[in-house]
Protein backbone atom coordinates (compact mmCIF):
# COMPACT_ATOMS: atom_id res chain seq x y z
CA MET A 1 121.02 104.36 39.42
CA SER A 2 118.72 107.17 40.62
CA GLU A 3 119.81 109.81 43.11
CA ALA A 4 117.62 108.18 45.76
CA GLY A 5 119.23 104.82 45.01
CA ASN A 6 122.71 106.30 45.32
CA GLU A 7 121.77 107.80 48.64
CA ARG A 8 120.48 104.44 49.94
CA VAL A 9 123.74 102.77 48.92
CA ALA A 10 125.76 105.51 50.62
CA VAL A 11 123.76 105.16 53.83
CA LEU A 12 124.17 101.39 53.73
CA LEU A 13 127.93 101.65 53.23
CA ARG A 14 128.18 104.08 56.14
CA ARG A 15 126.31 101.64 58.39
CA ILE A 16 128.57 98.79 57.32
CA GLY A 17 131.65 100.97 57.73
CA ALA A 18 130.68 102.10 61.22
CA LEU A 19 130.45 98.50 62.43
CA ALA A 20 133.26 97.13 60.26
CA ALA A 21 135.90 99.77 61.09
CA PRO A 22 136.84 98.53 64.59
CA THR A 23 136.84 94.86 63.58
CA THR A 24 138.86 95.69 60.46
CA ALA A 25 141.42 97.47 62.62
CA ILE A 26 141.68 94.32 64.72
CA ALA A 27 141.99 92.27 61.55
CA LEU A 28 144.99 94.36 60.50
CA LEU A 29 146.57 93.92 63.93
CA GLN A 30 145.86 90.19 63.78
CA ALA A 31 147.37 89.98 60.30
CA ALA A 32 150.51 91.79 61.44
CA ALA A 33 150.79 89.52 64.49
CA GLN A 34 150.37 86.38 62.41
CA LEU A 35 152.97 87.55 59.91
CA THR A 36 155.33 88.07 62.81
CA GLU A 37 154.50 84.55 63.99
CA THR A 38 155.51 83.20 60.57
CA TRP A 39 158.77 85.18 60.72
CA LEU A 40 159.54 83.86 64.22
CA ALA A 41 158.90 80.29 63.12
CA ALA A 42 161.24 80.73 60.15
CA ARG A 43 163.98 82.01 62.48
CA GLN A 44 163.94 78.68 64.33
CA GLY A 45 165.18 76.81 61.22
CA LEU A 46 163.73 74.77 58.37
CA ALA A 47 162.53 71.89 60.58
CA ALA A 48 160.67 74.29 62.89
CA LEU A 49 159.15 76.15 59.94
CA ALA A 50 157.93 72.85 58.47
CA GLY A 51 156.52 71.87 61.89
CA TRP A 52 154.78 75.23 62.20
CA ALA A 53 153.32 74.79 58.69
CA VAL A 54 151.80 71.43 59.69
CA VAL A 55 150.12 73.01 62.75
CA LEU A 56 148.97 76.06 60.74
CA PRO A 57 145.66 74.69 59.39
CA PHE A 58 144.67 73.49 62.88
CA SER A 59 145.61 76.86 64.39
CA LEU A 60 143.57 78.63 61.72
CA LEU A 61 140.67 76.24 62.34
CA LEU A 62 140.76 77.04 66.06
CA GLN A 63 140.48 80.76 65.38
CA GLN A 64 137.99 80.48 62.53
CA MET A 65 135.65 78.16 64.41
CA SER A 66 135.63 80.19 67.60
CA ALA A 67 135.45 83.65 66.01
CA GLY A 68 133.89 83.44 62.57
CA ALA A 69 132.04 80.11 62.51
CA MET A 70 130.46 79.30 65.88
CA GLY A 71 131.13 82.91 66.85
CA GLY A 72 129.13 83.95 63.81
CA GLY A 73 126.33 81.65 64.93
CA VAL A 74 126.35 83.34 68.34
CA ALA A 75 126.36 86.86 66.88
CA ALA A 76 123.64 85.98 64.36
CA ALA A 77 121.36 84.40 66.97
CA ILE A 78 121.68 87.40 69.28
CA ALA A 79 121.23 89.88 66.43
CA ARG A 80 118.08 88.10 65.21
CA ALA A 81 116.67 88.02 68.76
CA LEU A 82 117.31 91.72 69.23
CA GLY A 83 115.98 92.52 65.74
CA ALA A 84 112.73 90.77 66.68
CA GLY A 85 112.55 92.60 70.03
CA ARG A 86 113.35 89.54 72.19
CA GLU A 87 115.95 90.97 74.58
CA GLU A 88 115.38 88.27 77.23
CA GLU A 89 116.21 85.60 74.66
CA ALA A 90 119.44 87.42 73.81
CA ALA A 91 120.35 87.44 77.50
CA ASP A 92 119.65 83.71 77.79
CA LEU A 93 121.72 82.88 74.70
CA VAL A 94 124.95 83.91 76.46
CA LEU A 95 125.00 80.87 78.78
CA HIS A 96 124.40 78.56 75.84
CA ALA A 97 127.20 80.21 73.89
CA LEU A 98 129.62 79.74 76.78
CA LEU A 99 128.75 76.06 77.16
CA ILE A 100 129.40 75.54 73.47
CA ALA A 101 132.72 77.38 73.81
CA LEU A 102 133.73 75.12 76.69
CA GLY A 103 133.07 72.03 74.60
CA GLY A 104 134.90 73.43 71.58
CA GLY A 105 137.98 74.41 73.58
CA LEU A 106 138.22 71.02 75.26
CA LEU A 107 137.87 69.21 71.92
CA PHE A 108 140.87 71.03 70.44
CA ALA A 109 142.90 70.58 73.64
CA VAL A 110 142.32 66.83 73.89
CA LEU A 111 142.94 65.99 70.23
CA LEU A 112 145.86 68.26 69.39
CA ALA A 113 147.64 68.62 72.72
CA GLY A 114 146.95 65.05 73.80
CA PHE A 115 147.94 63.36 70.53
CA PRO A 116 150.07 65.81 68.53
CA ARG A 117 152.57 63.31 67.07
CA PRO A 118 150.10 60.81 65.60
CA VAL A 119 147.78 63.53 64.26
CA LEU A 120 150.48 65.74 62.76
CA GLY A 121 152.69 62.82 61.73
CA ALA A 122 149.87 61.42 59.59
CA ILE A 123 150.01 64.61 57.53
CA ALA A 124 153.70 65.42 57.12
CA GLY A 125 155.70 62.58 58.64
CA PRO A 126 157.48 62.01 61.97
CA GLU A 127 160.21 64.65 61.51
CA ALA A 128 157.81 67.55 61.07
CA ALA A 129 155.56 66.17 63.83
CA ALA A 130 158.48 66.03 66.28
CA ALA A 131 159.30 69.69 65.59
CA ALA A 132 155.63 70.68 65.89
CA ALA A 133 154.60 68.72 69.01
CA PRO A 134 155.88 71.10 71.77
CA TYR A 135 154.36 74.06 69.91
CA ALA A 136 151.03 72.25 69.55
CA ILE A 137 150.94 71.29 73.23
CA TRP A 138 151.26 74.92 74.33
CA LEU A 139 149.05 76.34 71.60
CA PHE A 140 146.14 73.94 72.07
CA GLY A 141 146.64 72.45 75.52
CA VAL A 142 146.88 75.85 77.23
CA GLY A 143 145.46 78.19 74.59
CA ALA A 144 142.43 76.51 72.99
CA LEU A 145 139.96 77.18 75.81
CA PRO A 146 140.73 80.90 76.27
CA VAL A 147 140.60 81.45 72.50
CA TRP A 148 137.12 79.93 72.39
CA LEU A 149 135.97 81.94 75.42
CA ALA A 150 137.40 85.26 74.25
CA ASN A 151 136.04 84.95 70.72
CA THR A 152 132.63 83.73 71.89
CA LEU A 153 132.23 86.67 74.26
CA ALA A 154 133.41 89.04 71.52
CA SER A 155 130.66 87.56 69.33
CA VAL A 156 128.11 88.30 72.05
CA LEU A 157 129.22 91.93 71.93
CA ARG A 158 129.05 92.01 68.11
CA GLY A 159 125.57 90.50 68.14
CA GLY A 160 124.56 93.43 70.32
CA GLY A 161 126.14 95.87 67.87
CA ARG A 162 129.09 96.63 70.18
CA HIS A 163 131.81 95.87 67.66
CA ALA A 164 134.12 98.62 68.89
CA LEU A 165 134.06 97.33 72.46
CA ALA A 166 134.98 93.81 71.36
CA ALA A 167 137.71 95.24 69.15
CA ARG A 168 139.39 97.16 71.96
CA VAL A 169 139.86 94.03 74.05
CA LEU A 170 141.14 91.89 71.17
CA ALA A 171 143.47 94.71 70.13
CA LEU A 172 145.32 94.38 73.40
CA ALA A 173 145.83 90.66 72.79
CA TRP A 174 147.16 91.03 69.23
CA ILE A 175 149.44 93.92 70.21
CA ALA A 176 150.91 91.98 73.11
CA PHE A 177 151.34 88.69 71.25
CA PRO A 178 154.36 89.40 68.96
CA PRO A 179 156.74 90.79 71.62
CA LEU A 180 155.74 88.13 74.15
CA ALA A 181 156.15 85.35 71.57
CA TRP A 182 159.61 86.70 70.65
CA LEU A 183 160.61 86.97 74.33
CA LEU A 184 159.60 83.40 75.09
CA SER A 185 160.93 81.84 71.89
CA GLU A 186 164.35 83.51 71.68
CA PRO A 187 165.68 85.28 74.82
CA LEU A 188 164.05 82.71 77.11
CA GLY A 189 165.02 79.84 74.79
CA MET A 190 161.67 78.09 74.29
CA GLY A 191 161.98 78.08 70.50
CA LEU A 192 158.82 77.41 68.50
CA ALA A 193 157.00 76.34 71.68
CA GLY A 194 157.39 79.91 72.97
CA VAL A 195 155.16 81.16 70.15
CA GLY A 196 152.39 78.84 71.34
CA ALA A 197 152.90 79.82 74.98
CA GLY A 198 152.72 83.52 74.13
CA PHE A 199 149.50 82.98 72.19
CA ALA A 200 147.92 81.15 75.13
CA ALA A 201 148.94 83.82 77.63
CA VAL A 202 147.47 86.79 75.77
CA PHE A 203 144.18 85.02 75.14
CA TRP A 204 143.76 84.06 78.79
CA ALA A 205 144.01 87.76 79.60
CA ALA A 206 141.58 88.65 76.79
CA ALA A 207 139.04 86.02 77.91
CA LEU A 208 139.02 87.27 81.51
CA LEU A 209 138.64 90.90 80.48
CA MET A 210 135.91 90.05 77.96
CA ALA A 211 133.99 88.10 80.62
CA LEU A 212 134.07 91.13 82.92
CA ILE A 213 132.74 93.43 80.18
CA VAL A 214 129.92 91.16 79.01
CA GLY A 215 128.94 90.32 82.59
CA ARG A 216 128.49 94.03 83.31
CA GLY A 217 126.10 94.52 80.38
CA GLY A 218 128.57 95.59 77.73
CA ALA A 219 126.48 94.00 74.95
CA GLY A 220 123.49 96.22 75.80
CA PHE A 221 121.86 93.62 78.03
CA THR A 222 122.79 91.66 81.15
CA PRO A 223 123.40 87.92 80.56
CA ARG A 224 121.31 85.43 82.50
CA LEU A 225 123.63 82.65 83.58
CA ARG A 226 121.49 81.02 86.28
CA MET A 227 118.97 79.16 84.20
CA ARG A 228 118.27 75.70 82.87
CA PRO A 229 119.82 75.28 79.39
CA SER A 230 117.25 75.10 76.61
CA ALA A 231 117.44 72.88 73.53
CA THR A 232 115.63 75.58 71.56
CA LEU A 233 118.27 78.18 72.36
CA PHE A 234 121.10 75.78 71.56
CA ARG A 235 119.45 75.28 68.16
CA ARG A 236 119.34 79.06 67.60
CA ILE A 237 123.14 79.07 67.70
CA LEU A 238 123.99 75.63 66.39
CA SER A 239 121.70 75.72 63.35
CA VAL A 240 124.12 78.24 61.85
CA GLY A 241 127.23 77.65 63.96
CA LEU A 242 127.58 73.92 63.28
CA VAL A 243 127.24 74.42 59.54
CA ALA A 244 129.78 77.24 59.68
CA CYS A 245 132.17 75.06 61.71
CA ALA A 246 131.83 72.32 59.12
CA LEU A 247 132.70 74.86 56.43
CA ALA A 248 135.73 76.07 58.38
CA THR A 249 136.79 72.43 58.75
CA LEU A 250 136.46 71.90 55.00
CA ALA A 251 138.52 75.02 54.30
CA ASN A 252 141.35 73.86 56.52
CA LEU A 253 140.99 70.26 55.40
CA THR A 254 141.78 71.59 51.94
CA THR A 255 145.03 73.04 53.29
CA ILE A 256 145.81 69.83 55.19
CA LEU A 257 145.27 67.62 52.15
CA VAL A 258 147.29 69.89 49.86
CA THR A 259 150.07 69.88 52.48
CA ARG A 260 149.97 66.08 52.47
CA GLN A 261 150.19 66.03 48.67
CA LEU A 262 153.19 68.36 48.77
CA ALA A 263 154.97 66.30 51.45
CA VAL A 264 156.26 63.99 48.72
CA TYR A 265 158.32 66.93 47.41
CA GLY A 266 160.10 67.28 50.79
CA PRO A 267 160.18 69.72 53.74
CA VAL A 268 161.07 72.70 51.51
CA ALA A 269 157.75 72.37 49.65
CA VAL A 270 155.81 71.94 52.93
CA ALA A 271 157.45 75.03 54.47
CA ALA A 272 156.91 77.05 51.30
CA TYR A 273 153.25 76.13 51.10
CA GLY A 274 152.87 77.12 54.76
CA ILE A 275 153.99 80.64 53.81
CA SER A 276 151.68 80.66 50.78
CA ALA A 277 148.72 79.44 52.83
CA ARG A 278 149.36 82.00 55.57
CA LEU A 279 149.16 84.85 53.05
CA GLU A 280 146.05 83.31 51.50
CA PHE A 281 144.33 83.09 54.86
CA LEU A 282 145.18 86.70 55.68
CA THR A 283 142.11 87.52 53.62
CA VAL A 284 140.00 85.77 56.29
CA PRO A 285 140.59 88.32 59.10
CA LEU A 286 140.38 91.14 56.56
CA ALA A 287 137.03 89.85 55.25
CA PHE A 288 135.94 89.22 58.84
CA GLY A 289 136.16 92.96 59.50
CA VAL A 290 133.40 93.53 56.96
CA GLY A 291 131.78 90.13 57.55
CA SER A 292 131.19 90.67 61.26
CA ALA A 293 129.25 93.83 60.41
CA LEU A 294 127.28 91.93 57.78
CA THR A 295 126.37 89.16 60.26
CA ALA A 296 124.86 91.69 62.65
CA LEU A 297 123.17 93.92 60.05
CA VAL A 298 121.84 91.08 57.89
CA GLY A 299 120.73 89.21 61.02
CA ARG A 300 118.70 92.17 62.22
CA ALA A 301 117.15 92.69 58.78
CA ALA A 302 116.30 88.97 58.52
CA GLY A 303 114.90 88.95 62.04
CA ALA A 304 112.62 91.84 61.06
CA GLY A 305 111.61 90.08 57.80
CA ASP A 306 113.20 92.73 55.55
CA TRP A 307 114.89 90.41 53.02
CA PRO A 308 115.51 93.02 50.30
CA MET A 309 117.52 95.03 52.84
CA ALA A 310 119.36 91.88 53.91
CA ARG A 311 120.44 91.20 50.31
CA ARG A 312 121.43 94.81 49.62
CA THR A 313 123.51 94.86 52.79
CA ALA A 314 125.25 91.60 51.89
CA TRP A 315 126.20 92.75 48.39
CA ALA A 316 127.39 96.16 49.53
CA GLY A 317 129.75 94.57 52.03
CA GLY A 318 130.76 91.84 49.60
CA PHE A 319 132.01 94.36 47.04
CA VAL A 320 134.03 96.15 49.73
CA ALA A 321 135.72 92.87 50.71
CA LEU A 322 136.33 92.04 47.05
CA GLY A 323 138.16 95.33 46.56
CA VAL A 324 140.34 95.03 49.68
CA ALA A 325 141.29 91.38 49.21
CA GLY A 326 141.71 91.85 45.46
CA LEU A 327 144.20 94.66 45.97
CA LEU A 328 146.21 92.54 48.41
CA GLY A 329 146.15 89.61 45.99
CA LEU A 330 147.26 91.77 43.10
CA LEU A 331 150.30 92.95 45.06
CA VAL A 332 151.16 89.39 46.11
CA GLY A 333 150.79 88.11 42.54
CA LEU A 334 152.99 90.86 41.12
CA PHE A 335 155.75 90.51 43.72
CA PRO A 336 155.57 86.90 45.02
CA ALA A 337 159.27 86.51 45.82
CA GLY A 338 159.30 89.78 47.73
CA PHE A 339 156.46 88.63 49.96
CA ALA A 340 158.07 85.22 50.48
CA ARG A 341 161.32 86.89 51.60
CA LEU A 342 159.42 88.65 54.39
CA PHE A 343 159.36 85.33 56.23
CA THR A 344 162.46 83.41 55.31
CA SER A 345 165.90 83.91 53.78
CA ASP A 346 166.18 80.28 52.68
CA PRO A 347 166.51 80.59 48.87
CA ALA A 348 164.93 77.21 48.17
CA VAL A 349 161.87 77.98 50.30
CA VAL A 350 161.58 81.46 48.77
CA ALA A 351 161.68 80.02 45.24
CA VAL A 352 158.92 77.48 45.85
CA ALA A 353 156.74 79.92 47.85
CA ALA A 354 157.03 82.48 45.06
CA ARG A 355 155.87 79.90 42.52
CA GLY A 356 152.82 79.20 44.67
CA LEU A 357 151.96 82.85 45.34
CA ALA A 358 152.15 83.71 41.65
CA TYR A 359 149.13 81.41 41.17
CA THR A 360 147.17 81.99 44.39
CA GLY A 361 147.65 85.75 44.82
CA PRO A 362 145.37 86.80 41.94
CA ALA A 363 142.59 84.65 43.41
CA PHE A 364 142.52 86.49 46.76
CA GLY A 365 139.76 88.85 45.61
CA GLY A 366 137.33 86.02 45.00
CA PHE A 367 138.17 84.55 48.38
CA GLY A 368 137.46 87.89 50.07
CA LEU A 369 134.10 88.19 48.31
CA GLY A 370 133.15 84.63 49.23
CA MET A 371 134.18 85.06 52.87
CA ALA A 372 132.21 88.31 53.31
CA LEU A 373 129.06 86.78 51.81
CA TYR A 374 129.60 83.66 53.95
CA PHE A 375 129.38 85.83 57.08
CA ALA A 376 126.31 87.55 55.62
CA SER A 377 124.76 84.12 55.01
CA MET A 378 125.20 83.31 58.70
CA GLY A 379 123.23 86.42 59.60
CA ALA A 380 120.50 85.37 57.16
CA GLY A 381 120.56 81.75 58.34
CA ARG A 382 120.93 80.64 54.70
CA MET A 383 123.98 78.38 54.47
CA SER A 384 123.31 76.14 51.47
CA GLY A 385 125.37 78.28 49.08
CA PRO A 386 128.46 78.47 51.30
CA VAL A 387 128.25 74.68 51.89
CA LEU A 388 128.26 73.96 48.15
CA ALA A 389 131.08 76.48 47.67
CA ALA A 390 133.27 74.88 50.35
CA VAL A 391 132.78 71.37 49.00
CA THR A 392 133.57 72.56 45.48
CA ARG A 393 136.70 74.32 46.66
CA LEU A 394 137.94 71.14 48.35
CA GLY A 395 137.29 69.05 45.25
CA VAL A 396 138.93 71.48 42.85
CA ALA A 397 141.98 72.23 45.02
CA VAL A 398 142.73 68.63 45.99
CA GLY A 399 141.31 66.57 43.14
CA GLY A 400 141.89 69.14 40.44
CA GLY A 401 145.37 69.87 41.74
CA ALA A 402 146.26 66.17 41.67
CA LEU A 403 144.98 65.91 38.09
CA LEU A 404 146.94 68.97 36.97
CA ALA A 405 150.11 67.87 38.77
CA GLY A 406 150.07 64.24 37.65
CA PRO A 407 148.25 63.23 34.46
CA LEU A 408 148.45 66.71 32.95
CA GLY A 409 152.15 67.00 33.81
CA LEU A 410 152.31 70.37 35.58
CA GLY A 411 154.03 68.97 38.68
CA LEU A 412 154.25 71.30 41.67
CA GLU A 413 152.66 74.16 39.72
CA GLY A 414 149.60 71.96 39.16
CA HIS A 415 148.91 71.84 42.89
CA PHE A 416 149.21 75.61 43.21
CA LEU A 417 146.95 76.17 40.20
CA GLY A 418 144.40 73.79 41.72
CA VAL A 419 144.42 75.83 44.95
CA ALA A 420 143.86 79.06 42.99
CA LEU A 421 141.00 77.59 40.95
CA GLY A 422 139.39 76.24 44.12
CA ILE A 423 139.50 79.69 45.75
CA THR A 424 137.90 81.25 42.68
CA ALA A 425 135.12 78.65 42.59
CA TYR A 426 134.42 79.28 46.27
CA GLY A 427 133.88 83.00 45.71
CA LEU A 428 131.68 82.60 42.62
CA ILE A 429 129.39 79.94 44.09
CA THR A 430 128.91 81.77 47.41
CA ALA A 431 128.11 84.99 45.54
CA GLY A 432 125.62 83.18 43.34
CA SER A 433 123.63 82.05 46.38
CA VAL A 434 122.83 85.59 47.59
CA ARG A 435 119.71 86.12 45.47
CA PRO A 436 115.93 86.31 46.01
CA GLY A 437 115.36 82.62 45.26
CA VAL A 438 117.58 81.64 48.19
CA TRP A 439 117.17 84.67 50.49
CA PRO A 440 114.59 83.93 51.92
CA GLY A 441 113.76 81.05 49.58
CA ARG A 442 110.86 78.73 50.43
CA ARG A 443 111.52 78.77 54.16
CA ALA A 444 109.68 81.23 56.31
CA ALA A 445 111.78 84.02 57.77
CA LEU A 446 113.43 83.08 61.03
CA SER A 447 111.31 84.08 63.97
């Protein structure tokens, strides 16, 4: 590469780093808080850990939809409006984003707090559902709406390039969550339900503070909330956000279906896979640190019609995410039992979790690459590649895992290998879609 080319790459990485640094710091805090959550659940006993594992994919879906999926749609729409010089449109998009957040929060609350036993029991049986129900009622019944509001308003700030401001508010929530969850679950005797109550409490505080900041122009513009909602502006968000939500649903449906397959091996296998899945999904907040920067930067480049810059930005960030997630996965794959023991002292659970992590850990790098380019694709408004990648991952992890476990005789290891192969396919297919034939493809650049 020429000296001028090296300089362009360096400048691009600095721009990504400047926006990614605060969100990455939050991702590390979030990862630490979620690891503490896993540890607290394990301290409540095997039944509680199994119940927590059944709720896990729905909890992840709540956060991924509100922050990365629909939140990405919000950030991308605002970034494209600002990149095209339409500040009034950006101001109008805030009301539409909040209405979508209200609907999303109520949907989670009604389904998972209103009917926790039938929903969770269909996945892992009545025993795990009974242990999970009080936790789910607090987590979703009280916490779903503030999570949607806080993450949506944070996405408004990121769309305006104010990543650091959004990060400072969310940092307070993730710092406060572990000690509050411990206080409620153990000294105050709420058990696993206390973890859900603590989560709800910190996000109500974050949502209120975020609303104050955005309302005072923290995103670089003042929202217009007294207006008639517009179908056109809803489409600006939903054209990307709904697709991204469907992809988040597919990702967690993969975890749900694998959990259901493992339920035949008993609660030890379900609990162990919960630990394995939690470590796997730690790459999501880590990739989101880079991905949130890519959504804003790619969105602005796409809004201005500069597609070569959009692709260069996406690949630069994608390689950063590949390196970070790959290093984490390498450590997990080399020391799987050590990581499993961070969450539980039950030797049976540790043994099964270690078997799973030995397969899935080395695939983390591909997952990080795929997730970063997925966020970049939201900024570009080009979601066909991530859709194909998510569907392929589901088919390989669930169908391929069943084939490996049953007809090919690998048993439990077959399911874990299927998960690892599905993750790898996801990263490769998403990466393959970030190319000139797709970005911008035959469609005209978004106006």
